[in-house]
Amino acid sequence: MPLFRGQLKVNHTAVGLESHVGQTRFCAGRASQQACRMGTLSVTDAVNALRPFYFAVHPDFFGQYPREREVNENSLKQLNSYLECMQRPGQKALQPTQLTFYIRDTNSDPNSPQRGVNTSGFQAVSFTLQSKDLLSTVLKILQSCNLSTEHVQHAQADKGLEHQNETGTFSRPIRWDKSFYSFTGYRDPEEELDSTVRMEPALGLWLQRNQASASERLTASIPLRAELHRLKTELCQRLEINNIRWQRYWGIAHRCSQLHSLTRFAKQNSPVLHHLKGSTLIFADNSGMNAAGQVMLGTADVHHHWRKLLERLPIYCDLHSHVSLLKERTSFLLGDVELIYDEDLQPVTMLEDYYRMLKIFHQNVAITQPLFHPRSLKGLQIILENDLSAPSLLQAGQLSVPVTCDPTTLQWFIQAHAQKARTYLRREEELEVEQQKLISDCTERFGLERVYKEPSVSRQQMVQCCQRLLEKHLSELHGMRLCISHFYSVLQDGDLCVPWDWKL
């Protein structure tokens, strides 16, 4: 192996040189295999590994501290979105995500520069996620919150031993006696996992415990919800815009505050507001226009930045027209396949970045003659990825393609997956119809005010959840707002969040 010959330094006068080199290669190979196994983590393993973290930051523990609760709710949603992106086939271009959580002050390191105790007695912990590896991300979260990672390391080591057992190297993995953990003080991973599973409540029991507080919060939020609806309706009519949306979850009070700020801005900057006519407005983390042509107002930006954005809006609109034209030209070369930007399947992409991606992709496929007959791929959808991943077929039916994909490879990939993609797309359409019917049935059956899901919950998961709900008698849901999510939570405005795979 040339790699080892170039890197290995040994004494050529030593006895048994050949044996030494052979053993070194064997050990290096075993270490490489072990490192590979230790660097992988399944989605189920990740959820189990993060249970101590979820218990430490769960919003239910911050009932008397609305500010800390809101921060944790928002950060959990960003974290879930980040983890969802990591699970998507071919998804590699993840943007660094900075998160802040308040945790109960237990065994913390007071000298840590990232920590600070607030007046409520909770620690503020900030960290940035930028790894593309699920295991590294889980370890980063646990270590940043000063939580033990031993259960992750034990689980990974056990997986490595099981793999060795399968290959015949060992007869069985090492299983320590309970006395070992009592004597050494180490945590028994099996006992810890069993305890966390027992701590996760059944749906009925959790609803009984939390229905009263959720109902109280929901009742208290009614005036704010009416105010939010009024402000939104007035602004849409005054600015002649189609809709006002929010990039991620903010509480009703926070949203009202943002709309009040926009109302003040509209009174002071009426000359530039006509540029917004006919558009969709989104309160987001950054100001600009996204790949879908929607205007984004950064919630952290001052009015000066908003005014500068609206002054440049005609330029953005021209660029969006160029994007539309470029998509049509590229679509023609690919048999009328549709190039889409989906907010639920992709990270937030600004219009300038999307234009550069589309231009590179068009130049790449325009080198040759049209790759497919006109209209032969009509109905299929392509999502562009700004990375070097291989093209892949998403579960929702879209073809995920890197912008630098070789035309020959692209042609072969589309031909090989076109039929399956159409099947997936038809299935998603059927699931959408079934989902809407089940939502309506659940709303009527339980007397719910509203039933909805987080974007990270798939249609298939939503359908399964609603089907199981309809089999139960849950009187605690009457008059409530139900959000299907990945974890239990009562939001500050009274919405009940339950995991889609809740247990009895």
Protein backbone atom coordinates (compact mmCIF):
# COMPACT_ATOMS: atom_id res chain seq x y z
CA MET A 1 0.00 0.00 0.00
CA PRO A 2 1.83 3.16 -1.15
CA LEU A 3 0.16 5.33 1.48
CA PHE A 4 1.68 3.33 4.33
CA ARG A 5 5.06 3.00 2.60
CA GLY A 6 5.32 6.78 2.32
CA GLN A 7 4.27 7.49 5.92
CA LEU A 8 5.67 4.60 7.96
CA LYS A 9 9.05 5.25 9.62
CA VAL A 10 10.87 2.09 10.85
CA ASN A 11 14.42 1.07 11.61
CA HIS A 12 15.58 -1.05 8.64
CA THR A 13 18.15 -2.84 10.84
CA ALA A 14 15.53 -4.04 13.29
CA VAL A 15 14.88 -7.75 13.56
CA GLY A 16 11.64 -8.91 12.04
CA LEU A 17 11.04 -5.81 9.85
CA GLU A 18 8.55 -7.59 7.62
CA SER A 19 6.59 -8.83 10.60
CA HIS A 20 6.60 -5.34 12.16
CA VAL A 21 5.30 -3.72 8.98
CA GLY A 22 2.63 -6.39 8.63
CA GLN A 23 1.45 -5.91 12.20
CA THR A 24 1.47 -2.13 11.80
CA ARG A 25 -0.69 -2.36 8.68
CA PHE A 26 -3.06 -4.75 10.42
CA CYS A 27 -3.41 -2.45 13.45
CA ALA A 28 -3.84 0.59 11.24
CA GLY A 29 -6.54 -1.18 9.28
CA ARG A 30 -8.36 -2.24 12.45
CA ALA A 31 -8.07 1.29 13.85
CA SER A 32 -9.41 2.74 10.62
CA GLN A 33 -12.39 0.39 10.70
CA GLN A 34 -13.03 1.19 14.36
CA ALA A 35 -12.81 4.96 13.64
CA CYS A 36 -15.25 4.55 10.78
CA ARG A 37 -17.69 2.76 13.05
CA MET A 38 -17.24 5.30 15.83
CA GLY A 39 -17.91 8.12 13.36
CA THR A 40 -21.37 6.85 12.41
CA LEU A 41 -24.61 7.29 14.29
CA SER A 42 -28.14 6.35 13.35
CA VAL A 43 -31.06 8.74 13.76
CA THR A 44 -32.52 6.53 16.52
CA ASP A 45 -29.18 6.50 18.35
CA ALA A 46 -28.99 10.29 18.07
CA VAL A 47 -32.46 10.74 19.60
CA ASN A 48 -31.59 8.42 22.48
CA ALA A 49 -28.23 10.11 23.02
CA LEU A 50 -29.84 13.56 23.21
CA ARG A 51 -32.50 12.61 25.75
CA PRO A 52 -30.52 14.07 28.71
CA PHE A 53 -30.18 17.30 26.71
CA TYR A 54 -33.90 17.48 25.91
CA PHE A 55 -34.74 16.96 29.58
CA ALA A 56 -32.31 19.72 30.58
CA VAL A 57 -33.71 22.36 28.20
CA HIS A 58 -37.33 21.27 27.83
CA PRO A 59 -39.61 24.34 27.86
CA ASP A 60 -41.95 22.70 30.40
CA PHE A 61 -39.34 23.34 33.10
CA PHE A 62 -39.45 27.10 32.45
CA GLY A 63 -43.11 27.82 33.11
CA GLN A 64 -42.38 30.78 35.38
CA TYR A 65 -39.70 32.19 33.11
CA PRO A 66 -41.31 33.16 29.77
CA ARG A 67 -38.17 34.73 28.29
CA GLU A 68 -35.99 31.66 28.89
CA ARG A 69 -38.81 29.41 27.75
CA GLU A 70 -39.19 31.26 24.44
CA VAL A 71 -35.44 31.14 23.79
CA ASN A 72 -35.40 27.37 24.34
CA GLU A 73 -38.48 26.83 22.18
CA ASN A 74 -37.00 28.78 19.29
CA SER A 75 -33.60 27.14 19.62
CA LEU A 76 -35.12 23.65 19.73
CA LYS A 77 -36.95 24.34 16.49
CA GLN A 78 -33.71 25.49 14.85
CA LEU A 79 -31.92 22.42 16.18
CA ASN A 80 -34.62 20.08 14.86
CA SER A 81 -34.43 21.77 11.47
CA TYR A 82 -30.63 21.37 11.46
CA LEU A 83 -30.85 17.67 12.33
CA GLU A 84 -33.55 17.15 9.69
CA CYS A 85 -31.28 18.69 7.06
CA MET A 86 -28.49 16.31 8.07
CA GLN A 87 -30.78 13.33 7.48
CA ARG A 88 -31.73 14.33 3.93
CA PRO A 89 -29.99 12.28 1.24
CA GLY A 90 -27.17 14.27 -0.36
CA GLN A 91 -27.59 17.16 2.08
CA LYS A 92 -24.10 18.54 2.81
CA ALA A 93 -24.26 22.31 2.41
CA LEU A 94 -25.38 23.07 5.96
CA GLN A 95 -25.03 26.63 7.13
CA PRO A 96 -23.38 27.14 10.56
CA THR A 97 -26.17 27.51 13.11
CA GLN A 98 -25.65 29.35 16.40
CA LEU A 99 -27.95 28.25 19.21
CA THR A 100 -28.56 29.48 22.74
CA PHE A 101 -30.24 27.44 25.47
CA TYR A 102 -31.02 28.08 29.11
CA ILE A 103 -30.34 25.05 31.28
CA ARG A 104 -30.80 24.36 34.95
CA ASP A 105 -27.55 24.96 36.84
CA THR A 106 -26.47 21.50 38.00
CA ASN A 107 -22.86 20.36 37.67
CA SER A 108 -21.48 23.18 35.55
CA ASP A 109 -18.00 24.50 35.04
CA PRO A 110 -17.95 28.09 36.31
CA ASN A 111 -14.79 28.84 34.36
CA SER A 112 -16.32 28.01 31.01
CA PRO A 113 -16.28 31.14 28.79
CA GLN A 114 -19.51 30.16 27.03
CA ARG A 115 -21.59 30.08 30.21
CA GLY A 116 -23.30 32.77 32.18
CA VAL A 117 -25.85 32.49 34.96
CA ASN A 118 -28.81 34.83 34.66
CA THR A 119 -30.90 36.26 37.46
CA SER A 120 -33.37 33.36 37.23
CA GLY A 121 -30.67 30.88 38.22
CA PHE A 122 -30.43 29.28 34.77
CA GLN A 123 -27.27 29.07 32.69
CA ALA A 124 -27.17 30.51 29.19
CA VAL A 125 -25.21 28.15 26.94
CA SER A 126 -24.31 29.18 23.39
CA PHE A 127 -22.66 27.04 20.74
CA THR A 128 -22.40 26.84 16.96
CA LEU A 129 -23.26 23.72 14.95
CA GLN A 130 -21.26 23.36 11.75
CA SER A 131 -20.42 19.64 11.53
CA LYS A 132 -21.83 17.45 8.76
CA ASP A 133 -21.45 14.34 10.93
CA LEU A 134 -24.36 13.33 13.19
CA LEU A 135 -22.15 11.84 15.91
CA SER A 136 -19.95 14.96 16.12
CA THR A 137 -23.05 17.13 16.30
CA VAL A 138 -24.54 15.10 19.16
CA LEU A 139 -21.26 15.17 21.11
CA LYS A 140 -20.95 18.93 20.51
CA ILE A 141 -24.41 19.56 21.97
CA LEU A 142 -23.85 17.39 25.04
CA GLN A 143 -20.37 18.75 25.75
CA SER A 144 -21.47 22.36 25.33
CA CYS A 145 -24.20 21.82 27.94
CA ASN A 146 -21.77 20.02 30.27
CA LEU A 147 -23.75 16.78 29.96
CA SER A 148 -22.17 13.35 30.05
CA THR A 149 -21.16 11.73 26.75
CA GLU A 150 -20.31 8.38 28.29
CA HIS A 151 -23.56 6.78 27.19
CA VAL A 152 -22.79 7.78 23.57
CA GLN A 153 -19.25 6.42 23.77
CA HIS A 154 -20.44 3.19 25.41
CA ALA A 155 -23.10 2.73 22.74
CA GLN A 156 -20.60 3.33 19.93
CA ALA A 157 -18.08 0.98 21.54
CA ASP A 158 -20.76 -1.70 21.89
CA LYS A 159 -21.62 -1.29 18.20
CA GLY A 160 -17.93 -1.75 17.35
CA LEU A 161 -17.74 -4.90 19.49
CA GLU A 162 -20.89 -6.26 17.87
CA HIS A 163 -19.35 -5.66 14.46
CA GLN A 164 -16.20 -7.53 15.52
CA ASN A 165 -18.39 -10.35 16.79
CA GLU A 166 -20.08 -10.55 13.40
CA THR A 167 -16.71 -10.83 11.65
CA GLY A 168 -15.61 -13.62 13.99
CA THR A 169 -12.82 -11.72 15.79
CA PHE A 170 -14.55 -11.98 19.20
CA SER A 171 -17.11 -14.51 20.35
CA ARG A 172 -19.26 -11.85 22.05
CA PRO A 173 -19.18 -8.18 23.15
CA ILE A 174 -18.00 -7.41 26.67
CA ARG A 175 -20.88 -7.03 29.14
CA TRP A 176 -19.81 -5.70 32.51
CA ASP A 177 -21.43 -6.89 35.71
CA LYS A 178 -23.58 -4.38 37.60
CA SER A 179 -20.97 -4.35 40.40
CA PHE A 180 -18.47 -2.83 37.95
CA TYR A 181 -20.57 0.32 37.63
CA SER A 182 -21.20 0.46 41.39
CA PHE A 183 -17.48 0.18 42.16
CA THR A 184 -16.12 2.52 39.46
CA GLY A 185 -18.93 5.10 39.53
CA TYR A 186 -19.44 4.84 35.76
CA ARG A 187 -22.98 5.03 34.45
CA ASP A 188 -24.64 1.85 33.28
CA PRO A 189 -25.77 2.73 29.71
CA GLU A 190 -28.58 0.17 29.75
CA GLU A 191 -29.94 1.40 33.06
CA GLU A 192 -29.65 5.04 31.93
CA LEU A 193 -31.50 4.33 28.68
CA ASP A 194 -34.23 2.40 30.51
CA SER A 195 -34.72 5.29 32.94
CA THR A 196 -35.00 7.86 30.16
CA VAL A 197 -37.51 5.68 28.33
CA ARG A 198 -39.54 5.36 31.52
CA MET A 199 -39.39 9.13 32.00
CA GLU A 200 -40.97 9.76 28.59
CA PRO A 201 -44.69 9.97 29.40
CA ALA A 202 -47.54 8.33 27.59
CA LEU A 203 -49.76 10.69 25.59
CA GLY A 204 -52.81 10.39 27.82
CA LEU A 205 -50.85 10.91 31.03
CA TRP A 206 -48.95 13.87 29.58
CA LEU A 207 -52.20 15.51 28.43
CA GLN A 208 -53.73 15.07 31.88
CA ARG A 209 -50.72 16.77 33.48
CA ASN A 210 -50.49 19.66 31.04
CA GLN A 211 -54.02 20.35 29.78
CA ALA A 212 -54.82 22.84 32.56
CA SER A 213 -51.72 25.01 32.05
CA ALA A 214 -52.10 24.84 28.26
CA SER A 215 -55.73 25.92 28.51
CA GLU A 216 -54.78 28.80 30.79
CA ARG A 217 -52.10 30.01 28.39
CA LEU A 218 -54.40 29.60 25.40
CA THR A 219 -57.10 31.67 27.08
CA ALA A 220 -54.57 34.37 27.97
CA SER A 221 -53.34 34.49 24.36
CA ILE A 222 -56.79 35.06 22.82
CA PRO A 223 -56.62 38.91 22.96
CA LEU A 224 -53.11 38.83 21.47
CA ARG A 225 -54.23 36.47 18.70
CA ALA A 226 -57.07 38.86 17.83
CA GLU A 227 -54.59 41.76 17.82
CA LEU A 228 -52.21 39.79 15.59
CA HIS A 229 -54.99 39.03 13.09
CA ARG A 230 -56.07 42.68 13.05
CA LEU A 231 -52.55 44.02 12.51
CA LYS A 232 -51.79 41.47 9.81
CA THR A 233 -55.03 42.18 7.92
CA GLU A 234 -54.55 45.95 8.09
CA LEU A 235 -50.93 45.79 6.91
CA CYS A 236 -51.73 43.45 4.03
CA GLN A 237 -54.45 45.82 2.84
CA ARG A 238 -52.41 48.98 3.38
CA LEU A 239 -49.24 47.67 1.72
CA GLU A 240 -51.19 45.68 -0.92
CA ILE A 241 -49.17 42.55 -0.21
CA ASN A 242 -50.32 38.93 -0.52
CA ASN A 243 -49.33 37.64 2.88
CA ILE A 244 -47.14 38.12 5.96
CA ARG A 245 -45.32 35.06 7.28
CA TRP A 246 -42.59 34.15 9.76
CA GLN A 247 -39.48 32.13 8.96
CA ARG A 248 -39.57 30.31 12.29
CA TYR A 249 -41.68 30.19 15.42
CA TRP A 250 -42.01 33.29 17.55
CA GLY A 251 -44.58 33.77 20.28
CA ILE A 252 -47.77 35.71 19.55
CA ALA A 253 -46.57 38.67 21.62
CA HIS A 254 -43.30 38.74 19.71
CA ARG A 255 -45.12 38.63 16.37
CA CYS A 256 -47.41 41.48 17.41
CA SER A 257 -44.35 43.50 18.37
CA GLN A 258 -42.83 42.88 14.93
CA LEU A 259 -46.04 43.98 13.20
CA HIS A 260 -46.22 47.11 15.36
CA SER A 261 -42.64 47.86 14.31
CA LEU A 262 -43.59 47.40 10.64
CA THR A 263 -46.60 49.72 11.15
CA ARG A 264 -44.33 52.46 12.53
CA PHE A 265 -41.90 51.91 9.67
CA ALA A 266 -44.75 52.19 7.13
CA LYS A 267 -45.81 55.56 8.57
CA GLN A 268 -42.27 56.96 8.34
CA ASN A 269 -41.24 55.48 4.97
CA SER A 270 -44.33 55.52 2.78
CA PRO A 271 -42.47 56.49 -0.47
CA VAL A 272 -40.63 53.14 -0.72
CA LEU A 273 -43.56 50.95 0.29
CA HIS A 274 -45.06 50.77 -3.20
CA HIS A 275 -42.20 48.39 -4.14
CA LEU A 276 -43.82 45.76 -1.89
CA LYS A 277 -47.07 45.63 -3.86
CA GLY A 278 -48.07 42.06 -4.73
CA SER A 279 -45.26 40.39 -2.77
CA THR A 280 -45.12 38.05 0.23
CA LEU A 281 -43.41 39.42 3.33
CA ILE A 282 -41.46 37.19 5.72
CA PHE A 283 -40.01 38.14 9.09
CA ALA A 284 -36.72 36.27 9.10
CA ASP A 285 -33.22 36.19 10.55
CA ASN A 286 -31.75 38.22 7.65
CA SER A 287 -33.01 40.90 5.27
CA GLY A 288 -33.16 40.34 1.52
CA MET A 289 -35.11 38.28 -1.01
CA ASN A 290 -35.11 34.49 -0.92
CA ALA A 291 -34.95 32.12 -3.88
CA ALA A 292 -38.76 32.03 -4.08
CA GLY A 293 -38.94 35.82 -4.60
CA GLN A 294 -40.31 36.56 -1.13
CA VAL A 295 -39.18 39.71 0.70
CA MET A 296 -37.43 38.96 4.00
CA LEU A 297 -37.18 41.52 6.81
CA GLY A 298 -34.49 40.69 9.35
CA THR A 299 -35.94 40.87 12.86
CA ALA A 300 -32.57 42.00 14.25
CA ASP A 301 -32.18 44.78 11.67
CA VAL A 302 -33.10 48.39 12.34
CA HIS A 303 -35.48 50.36 10.14
CA HIS A 304 -32.56 51.86 8.24
CA HIS A 305 -31.70 48.41 6.88
CA TRP A 306 -35.33 47.77 5.95
CA ARG A 307 -35.48 51.05 4.03
CA LYS A 308 -32.27 50.25 2.14
CA LEU A 309 -33.69 46.85 1.20
CA LEU A 310 -36.93 48.33 -0.13
CA GLU A 311 -34.98 50.92 -2.12
CA ARG A 312 -33.11 48.06 -3.83
CA LEU A 313 -36.22 45.95 -4.28
CA PRO A 314 -36.63 46.78 -8.01
CA ILE A 315 -33.14 45.37 -8.57
CA TYR A 316 -34.10 42.21 -6.71
CA CYS A 317 -37.26 41.93 -8.80
CA ASP A 318 -35.22 42.19 -12.01
CA LEU A 319 -32.89 39.49 -10.72
CA HIS A 320 -35.86 37.28 -9.90
CA SER A 321 -37.09 37.72 -13.49
CA HIS A 322 -33.66 36.60 -14.73
CA VAL A 323 -33.89 33.57 -12.43
CA SER A 324 -37.29 32.64 -13.87
CA LEU A 325 -35.99 32.96 -17.44
CA LEU A 326 -32.89 30.92 -16.65
CA LYS A 327 -35.03 28.20 -15.07
CA GLU A 328 -37.14 28.00 -18.24
CA ARG A 329 -34.06 27.66 -20.45
CA THR A 330 -32.57 24.99 -18.21
CA SER A 331 -35.89 23.17 -18.00
CA PHE A 332 -36.06 22.98 -21.81
CA LEU A 333 -32.63 21.33 -21.94
CA LEU A 334 -33.84 18.75 -19.40
CA GLY A 335 -37.10 17.71 -21.04
CA ASP A 336 -39.28 20.27 -19.25
CA VAL A 337 -38.41 19.01 -15.77
CA GLU A 338 -39.33 21.67 -13.18
CA LEU A 339 -36.56 23.32 -11.14
CA ILE A 340 -38.00 24.19 -7.75
CA TYR A 341 -36.96 25.78 -4.49
CA ASP A 342 -38.76 24.20 -1.52
CA GLU A 343 -38.49 25.91 1.87
CA ASP A 344 -39.39 22.69 3.71
CA LEU A 345 -36.74 20.59 1.94
CA GLN A 346 -33.87 23.09 1.64
CA PRO A 347 -32.06 25.56 3.88
CA VAL A 348 -32.92 29.23 3.44
CA THR A 349 -31.29 30.36 0.19
CA MET A 350 -31.01 34.02 -0.78
CA LEU A 351 -31.87 35.07 -4.32
CA GLU A 352 -28.30 36.10 -5.25
CA ASP A 353 -26.93 32.73 -4.15
CA TYR A 354 -29.64 30.84 -6.00
CA TYR A 355 -28.98 32.81 -9.19
CA ARG A 356 -25.28 31.88 -9.03
CA MET A 357 -26.17 28.22 -8.48
CA LEU A 358 -28.64 28.23 -11.36
CA LYS A 359 -26.19 29.96 -13.70
CA ILE A 360 -23.48 27.37 -13.00
CA PHE A 361 -25.94 24.53 -13.52
CA HIS A 362 -27.26 26.00 -16.79
CA GLN A 363 -23.75 26.51 -18.18
CA ASN A 364 -22.94 22.93 -17.22
CA VAL A 365 -25.89 21.31 -19.03
CA ALA A 366 -25.87 23.75 -22.00
CA ILE A 367 -22.49 22.44 -23.21
CA THR A 368 -24.20 19.57 -25.01
CA GLN A 369 -27.40 19.32 -27.00
CA PRO A 370 -30.65 18.98 -25.02
CA LEU A 371 -30.23 15.92 -22.84
CA PHE A 372 -33.85 14.78 -23.21
CA HIS A 373 -36.71 15.09 -25.68
CA PRO A 374 -38.97 18.11 -25.09
CA ARG A 375 -41.69 17.49 -22.49
CA SER A 376 -40.43 13.94 -21.86
CA LEU A 377 -39.77 14.73 -18.18
CA LYS A 378 -42.70 17.06 -17.59
CA GLY A 379 -44.01 16.63 -14.06
CA LEU A 380 -40.66 15.76 -12.49
CA GLN A 381 -38.94 18.17 -10.09
CA ILE A 382 -35.28 18.99 -9.48
CA ILE A 383 -33.86 20.63 -6.36
CA LEU A 384 -30.40 22.16 -6.80
CA GLU A 385 -27.78 21.57 -4.10
CA ASN A 386 -24.73 23.79 -3.75
CA ASP A 387 -22.29 21.01 -2.82
CA LEU A 388 -20.30 18.13 -4.29
CA SER A 389 -22.68 15.35 -3.26
CA ALA A 390 -23.92 12.70 -5.65
CA PRO A 391 -27.41 13.16 -7.14
CA SER A 392 -30.13 11.45 -5.13
CA LEU A 393 -33.86 10.82 -5.08
CA LEU A 394 -35.66 12.32 -2.06
CA GLN A 395 -38.51 10.52 -0.32
CA ALA A 396 -40.85 13.33 -1.36
CA GLY A 397 -40.10 12.55 -5.03
CA GLN A 398 -37.74 15.41 -5.92
CA LEU A 399 -34.43 14.76 -7.66
CA SER A 400 -31.65 16.36 -5.61
CA VAL A 401 -28.84 17.38 -7.98
CA PRO A 402 -25.56 19.23 -7.25
CA VAL A 403 -25.00 22.26 -9.48
CA THR A 404 -21.67 20.87 -10.74
CA CYS A 405 -23.09 17.47 -11.71
CA ASP A 406 -21.58 16.06 -14.90
CA PRO A 407 -24.16 16.10 -17.77
CA THR A 408 -23.56 12.43 -18.59
CA THR A 409 -23.97 11.41 -14.96
CA LEU A 410 -27.08 13.60 -14.70
CA GLN A 411 -28.61 12.05 -17.81
CA TRP A 412 -28.01 8.51 -16.53
CA PHE A 413 -29.32 9.36 -13.05
CA ILE A 414 -32.59 10.91 -14.30
CA GLN A 415 -33.25 8.04 -16.69
CA ALA A 416 -32.65 5.50 -13.92
CA HIS A 417 -34.87 7.24 -11.34
CA ALA A 418 -37.58 8.98 -13.39
CA GLN A 419 -40.23 6.28 -12.92
CA LYS A 420 -39.62 5.94 -9.18
CA ALA A 421 -39.67 9.74 -8.81
CA ARG A 422 -43.10 9.89 -10.46
CA THR A 423 -44.33 7.16 -8.11
CA TYR A 424 -43.05 9.08 -5.08
CA LEU A 425 -44.66 12.32 -6.28
CA ARG A 426 -48.02 10.61 -6.79
CA ARG A 427 -47.73 9.09 -3.34
CA GLU A 428 -47.07 12.54 -1.82
CA GLU A 429 -50.13 13.95 -3.60
CA GLU A 430 -52.25 11.12 -2.21
CA LEU A 431 -50.77 11.61 1.26
CA GLU A 432 -51.56 15.33 1.10
CA VAL A 433 -55.22 14.59 0.36
CA GLU A 434 -55.35 11.95 3.10
CA GLN A 435 -53.57 14.27 5.53
CA GLN A 436 -56.06 17.09 5.03
CA LYS A 437 -58.99 14.70 5.54
CA LEU A 438 -57.48 13.28 8.73
CA ILE A 439 -56.76 16.77 10.07
CA SER A 440 -60.39 17.69 9.45
CA ASP A 441 -61.56 14.46 11.12
CA CYS A 442 -59.34 15.05 14.18
CA THR A 443 -60.47 18.67 14.48
CA GLU A 444 -64.13 17.61 14.45
CA ARG A 445 -63.71 14.47 16.58
CA PHE A 446 -61.84 16.14 19.45
CA GLY A 447 -63.28 19.66 19.13
CA LEU A 448 -59.85 21.11 18.45
CA GLU A 449 -59.37 24.73 17.50
CA ARG A 450 -56.55 23.81 15.13
CA VAL A 451 -54.36 20.85 14.13
CA TYR A 452 -51.08 21.43 12.31
CA LYS A 453 -47.58 19.98 12.00
CA GLU A 454 -44.02 21.24 12.04
CA PRO A 455 -42.28 21.30 8.63
CA SER A 456 -39.81 18.65 9.81
CA VAL A 457 -42.69 16.16 10.23
CA SER A 458 -43.37 14.36 6.95
CA ARG A 459 -46.83 13.78 5.50
CA GLN A 460 -46.45 10.05 6.11
CA GLN A 461 -45.65 10.65 9.78
CA MET A 462 -48.57 13.08 10.09
CA VAL A 463 -50.98 10.57 8.55
CA GLN A 464 -49.83 7.80 10.90
CA CYS A 465 -50.16 10.10 13.90
CA CYS A 466 -53.68 11.26 13.04
CA GLN A 467 -54.84 7.71 12.33
CA ARG A 468 -53.68 6.61 15.77
CA LEU A 469 -55.25 9.65 17.44
CA LEU A 470 -58.65 8.87 15.94
CA GLU A 471 -58.56 5.46 17.61
CA LYS A 472 -58.36 7.03 21.10
CA HIS A 473 -60.69 8.95 23.37
CA LEU A 474 -58.80 12.10 24.42
CA SER A 475 -61.18 14.54 26.08
CA GLU A 476 -58.25 16.75 27.15
CA LEU A 477 -57.85 17.94 23.54
CA HIS A 478 -61.21 19.72 23.41
CA GLY A 479 -60.79 23.39 22.48
CA MET A 480 -57.01 23.13 22.22
CA ARG A 481 -54.51 23.84 19.44
CA LEU A 482 -52.50 20.70 18.59
CA CYS A 483 -49.08 20.76 16.91
CA ILE A 484 -47.57 17.45 15.74
CA SER A 485 -43.86 17.66 16.44
CA HIS A 486 -40.94 15.47 17.58
CA PHE A 487 -41.19 16.12 21.32
CA TYR A 488 -43.67 17.03 24.05
CA SER A 489 -44.06 20.70 24.86
CA VAL A 490 -46.62 23.32 25.87
CA LEU A 491 -45.84 26.48 23.94
CA GLN A 492 -46.04 29.83 25.67
CA ASP A 493 -49.30 30.62 23.84
CA GLY A 494 -50.98 27.36 24.84
CA ASP A 495 -50.36 25.17 21.78
CA LEU A 496 -49.85 21.51 22.69
CA CYS A 497 -46.88 19.90 20.93
CA VAL A 498 -46.84 16.10 20.88
CA PRO A 499 -44.41 13.77 19.05
CA TRP A 500 -45.82 12.15 15.94
CA ASP A 501 -44.78 8.72 17.27
CA TRP A 502 -46.34 9.17 20.73
CA LYS A 503 -46.79 6.07 22.83
CA LEU A 504 -49.72 4.88 24.91
